[in-house]
Amino acid sequence: MHYLYLIIAVAAETIGTSALQASQQFTRPIPSVVVVVSYALAFYLLSLTLRTMPVGIMYAMWSGLGIVLIALIGYAVFGQKLDLPAVIGIAMILAGIVVINLFSATTRH
C-alpha cells in the first residue's frame, strides 16, 4: 500500500509543480489553488508512506520520479527542451531508483 501512496504523492507533486509554472508566480488564482492543494495532498501521502519506508529511500524515489515526470511535462506542455547532459543526468537518477528497488534490502518491509 505504501507504494500506492508514494505513486499518488508523486502524481500530486507533479500536478502541483506544473500548476506552479502555470500560476505565473502566484498571479493566476486557479493554478495557484491547484499548487497548494496538490502539495498538501502530496505531503499527506508522503507522511503515510513514511510509516513503512525509510525517509531517505522514500525521498529518493519521490524526488527522482518527480524530476523525470516534470522534465517530460516541461517538454510536452511548456516547450522546455533539455540538452544531452541534462537527459543523461535524469537517466542516471532513474537508474538510481531502479537500483534501489531491485537491489536494496532497505526497501523491503
Protein backbone atom coordinates (compact mmCIF):
# COMPACT_ATOMS: atom_id res chain seq x y z
CA MET A 1 0.00 0.00 0.00
CA HIS A 2 2.90 2.38 0.71
CA TYR A 3 3.95 2.24 -2.94
CA LEU A 4 0.43 3.30 -3.98
CA TYR A 5 0.62 6.25 -1.58
CA LEU A 6 4.02 7.14 -3.00
CA ILE A 7 2.84 6.97 -6.62
CA ILE A 8 -0.17 9.17 -5.88
CA ALA A 9 2.10 11.57 -3.96
CA VAL A 10 4.42 11.81 -6.97
CA ALA A 11 1.43 12.47 -9.23
CA ALA A 12 0.10 15.17 -6.88
CA GLU A 13 3.52 16.81 -6.63
CA THR A 14 3.89 16.71 -10.41
CA ILE A 15 0.50 18.35 -10.86
CA GLY A 16 1.39 20.96 -8.25
CA THR A 17 4.73 21.77 -9.86
CA SER A 18 3.13 22.03 -13.30
CA ALA A 19 0.50 24.34 -11.84
CA LEU A 20 3.29 26.37 -10.22
CA GLN A 21 4.67 27.10 -13.68
CA ALA A 22 1.16 27.93 -14.93
CA SER A 23 0.42 30.19 -11.93
CA GLN A 24 2.96 32.73 -13.17
CA GLN A 25 4.43 33.39 -9.72
CA PHE A 26 1.03 33.02 -7.99
CA THR A 27 -0.60 35.76 -10.07
CA ARG A 28 -3.24 33.44 -11.54
CA PRO A 29 -5.74 32.23 -8.90
CA ILE A 30 -6.85 28.82 -10.22
CA PRO A 31 -3.37 27.40 -10.85
CA SER A 32 -2.28 28.86 -7.51
CA VAL A 33 -5.02 26.96 -5.67
CA VAL A 34 -4.06 23.78 -7.56
CA VAL A 35 -0.47 24.23 -6.33
CA VAL A 36 -1.48 24.47 -2.68
CA VAL A 37 -3.98 21.59 -2.79
CA SER A 38 -1.65 19.32 -4.77
CA TYR A 39 1.30 19.88 -2.48
CA ALA A 40 -0.87 19.38 0.62
CA LEU A 41 -2.08 16.04 -0.77
CA ALA A 42 1.46 15.03 -1.76
CA PHE A 43 2.87 15.72 1.70
CA TYR A 44 0.00 13.95 3.44
CA LEU A 45 0.52 10.86 1.30
CA LEU A 46 4.26 11.03 1.91
CA SER A 47 3.58 11.01 5.63
CA LEU A 48 1.60 7.80 5.18
CA THR A 49 4.43 6.30 3.14
CA LEU A 50 6.87 7.03 5.98
CA ARG A 51 5.02 4.56 8.19
CA THR A 52 6.69 1.69 6.37
CA MET A 53 9.52 3.16 4.29
CA PRO A 54 12.75 4.89 5.40
CA VAL A 55 12.75 8.63 4.71
CA GLY A 56 15.90 8.55 2.58
CA ILE A 57 14.58 5.85 0.26
CA MET A 58 11.11 7.41 0.08
CA TYR A 59 12.54 10.83 -0.71
CA ALA A 60 14.93 9.47 -3.36
CA MET A 61 12.06 7.76 -5.14
CA TRP A 62 9.67 10.71 -4.77
CA SER A 63 12.09 13.34 -5.96
CA GLY A 64 13.60 11.18 -8.70
CA LEU A 65 10.29 10.20 -10.24
CA GLY A 66 9.10 13.79 -9.88
CA ILE A 67 12.16 15.07 -11.76
CA VAL A 68 11.56 12.69 -14.64
CA LEU A 69 7.85 13.49 -14.89
CA ILE A 70 8.36 17.25 -14.62
CA ALA A 71 11.05 17.14 -17.31
CA LEU A 72 8.62 15.31 -19.61
CA ILE A 73 5.77 17.71 -18.82
CA GLY A 74 8.10 20.70 -19.24
CA TYR A 75 8.96 19.45 -22.71
CA ALA A 76 5.45 18.43 -23.78
CA VAL A 77 3.40 21.26 -22.25
CA PHE A 78 5.77 24.20 -21.81
CA GLY A 79 8.17 23.55 -24.71
CA GLN A 80 11.21 23.40 -22.41
CA LYS A 81 13.93 21.39 -24.13
CA LEU A 82 16.78 19.64 -22.34
CA ASP A 83 20.29 19.27 -23.70
CA LEU A 84 22.14 15.95 -23.77
CA PRO A 85 23.90 16.35 -20.39
CA ALA A 86 20.54 17.05 -18.72
CA VAL A 87 18.98 13.97 -20.31
CA ILE A 88 21.95 11.83 -19.25
CA GLY A 89 21.70 13.18 -15.70
CA ILE A 90 18.00 12.42 -15.50
CA ALA A 91 18.64 8.91 -16.87
CA MET A 92 21.21 8.41 -14.10
CA ILE A 93 18.64 9.48 -11.50
CA LEU A 94 16.18 6.96 -12.92
CA ALA A 95 18.88 4.28 -12.87
CA GLY A 96 19.48 5.04 -9.20
CA ILE A 97 15.81 4.48 -8.41
CA VAL A 98 15.87 1.16 -10.28
CA VAL A 99 19.00 0.06 -8.37
CA ILE A 100 17.38 0.95 -5.04
CA ASN A 101 14.24 -1.01 -5.83
CA LEU A 102 15.94 -4.05 -7.33
CA PHE A 103 18.94 -4.50 -5.07
CA SER A 104 18.47 -2.67 -1.77
CA ALA A 105 17.17 -4.62 1.19
CA THR A 106 16.18 -1.28 2.74
CA THR A 107 13.01 -1.06 0.64
CA ARG A 108 11.70 -4.47 1.71
CA HIS A 109 9.48 -4.46 4.81
